[in-house]
Protein backbone atom coordinates (compact mmCIF):
# COMPACT_ATOMS: atom_id res chain seq x y z
CA UNK A 1 -85.72 -139.38 -39.50
CA UNK A 2 -86.70 -141.67 -42.21
CA UNK A 3 -88.94 -144.45 -41.50
CA UNK A 4 -87.84 -146.99 -44.15
CA UNK A 5 -84.49 -148.68 -45.22
CA UNK A 6 -84.40 -146.97 -48.45
CA UNK A 7 -84.55 -143.55 -46.69
CA UNK A 8 -81.94 -144.68 -44.31
CA UNK A 9 -79.98 -145.57 -47.29
CA UNK A 10 -80.38 -142.34 -48.96
CA UNK A 11 -79.52 -140.26 -45.97
CA UNK A 12 -76.19 -142.16 -45.09
CA UNK A 13 -75.01 -142.21 -48.34
CA UNK A 14 -74.47 -138.33 -48.11
CA UNK A 15 -72.08 -138.53 -45.28
CA UNK A 16 -70.19 -141.38 -47.21
CA UNK A 17 -69.99 -138.96 -50.27
CA UNK A 18 -68.51 -136.22 -48.15
CA UNK A 19 -66.30 -138.60 -46.42
CA UNK A 20 -64.77 -139.93 -49.69
CA UNK A 21 -64.10 -136.53 -51.36
CA UNK A 22 -62.52 -135.51 -47.87
CA UNK A 23 -60.34 -138.39 -47.97
CA UNK A 24 -59.65 -137.53 -51.74
CA UNK A 25 -58.50 -133.84 -50.88
CA UNK A 26 -56.50 -135.17 -48.07
CA UNK A 27 -54.63 -137.37 -50.33
CA UNK A 28 -53.94 -134.56 -52.73
CA UNK A 29 -52.58 -132.45 -49.76
CA UNK A 30 -50.48 -135.46 -48.62
CA UNK A 31 -49.05 -135.90 -52.27
CA UNK A 32 -48.44 -132.23 -52.39
CA UNK A 33 -46.39 -132.26 -49.36
CA UNK A 34 -44.04 -135.40 -50.51
CA UNK A 35 -40.56 -134.63 -51.76
CA UNK A 36 -40.22 -134.17 -55.57
CA UNK A 37 -38.07 -137.47 -55.99
CA UNK A 38 -40.67 -139.63 -54.16
CA UNK A 39 -43.56 -138.19 -56.23
CA UNK A 40 -42.56 -140.21 -59.48
CA UNK A 41 -42.88 -143.33 -57.51
CA UNK A 42 -46.03 -142.41 -55.52
CA UNK A 43 -47.78 -141.30 -58.66
CA UNK A 44 -48.17 -144.70 -60.07
CA UNK A 45 -50.26 -145.48 -56.62
CA UNK A 46 -51.78 -142.25 -56.17
CA UNK A 47 -53.71 -141.55 -59.45
CA UNK A 48 -55.73 -144.84 -59.61
CA UNK A 49 -56.63 -144.44 -55.83
CA UNK A 50 -57.59 -140.76 -56.40
CA UNK A 51 -59.68 -141.52 -59.50
CA UNK A 52 -61.43 -144.29 -57.54
CA UNK A 53 -62.40 -142.34 -54.70
CA UNK A 54 -63.60 -139.62 -56.86
CA UNK A 55 -65.79 -142.17 -58.63
CA UNK A 56 -67.23 -143.67 -55.60
CA UNK A 57 -67.75 -140.22 -54.23
CA UNK A 58 -69.87 -139.21 -57.25
CA UNK A 59 -71.70 -142.79 -57.38
CA UNK A 60 -72.41 -142.24 -53.79
CA UNK A 61 -74.26 -138.78 -54.43
CA UNK A 62 -76.07 -140.30 -57.43
CA UNK A 63 -77.35 -143.31 -55.13
CA UNK A 64 -78.32 -141.00 -52.95
CA UNK A 65 -80.58 -139.28 -55.53
CA UNK A 66 -81.95 -142.47 -56.68
CA UNK A 67 -82.68 -144.22 -53.36
CA UNK A 68 -84.27 -140.69 -52.08
CA UNK A 69 -86.36 -140.29 -55.29
CA UNK A 70 -87.61 -144.15 -55.25
CA UNK A 71 -88.14 -143.79 -51.47
CA UNK A 72 -90.27 -140.53 -51.81
CA UNK A 73 -92.32 -141.72 -54.92
CA UNK A 74 -92.80 -145.38 -53.92
CA UNK A 75 -93.02 -145.25 -50.29
CA UNK A 76 -94.26 -141.69 -49.66
CA UNK A 77 -91.65 -140.78 -47.50
CA UNK A 78 -91.90 -137.39 -46.07
CA UNK A 79 -88.78 -136.99 -43.91
CA UNK A 80 -86.94 -133.97 -44.42
CA UNK A 81 -83.52 -135.77 -44.40
CA UNK A 82 -84.41 -137.93 -47.26
CA UNK A 83 -85.58 -134.56 -49.15
CA UNK A 84 -82.29 -133.14 -48.14
CA UNK A 85 -80.21 -135.91 -49.45
CA UNK A 86 -82.26 -136.06 -52.61
CA UNK A 87 -81.47 -132.43 -53.19
CA UNK A 88 -78.09 -132.95 -52.58
CA UNK A 89 -77.93 -136.07 -55.01
CA UNK A 90 -79.50 -133.70 -57.77
CA UNK A 91 -76.76 -131.23 -57.12
CA UNK A 92 -74.18 -133.84 -57.78
CA UNK A 93 -76.01 -134.75 -61.09
CA UNK A 94 -76.25 -131.27 -62.28
CA UNK A 95 -72.45 -130.74 -61.65
CA UNK A 96 -71.85 -133.94 -63.57
CA UNK A 97 -74.04 -132.76 -66.45
CA UNK A 98 -72.33 -129.34 -66.56
CA UNK A 99 -68.82 -130.80 -66.77
CA UNK A 100 -70.03 -133.35 -69.45
CA UNK A 101 -71.97 -130.96 -71.61
CA UNK A 102 -70.47 -127.27 -71.10
């Protein structure tokens, strides 16, 4: 377990990211199961919520990378979970760059 607050933030941001992405997937499933007549009305509410959840999930992953990297460099944190959360954050950043620069 991490010994610093920054390390704890880095570790807890990864489950938050996963939870936000799962909530986004659940909303997609929920939208697909709604009748076609109601979809036009719910689309106005659904799309902004879907985009905000996705943005918050990505921001959580990037924040986990940044806080983990700062904690490793500045505070010399050597906890396995901090290294793992930094690695997951790195994967999120690589995926972002893969979509931006194909």
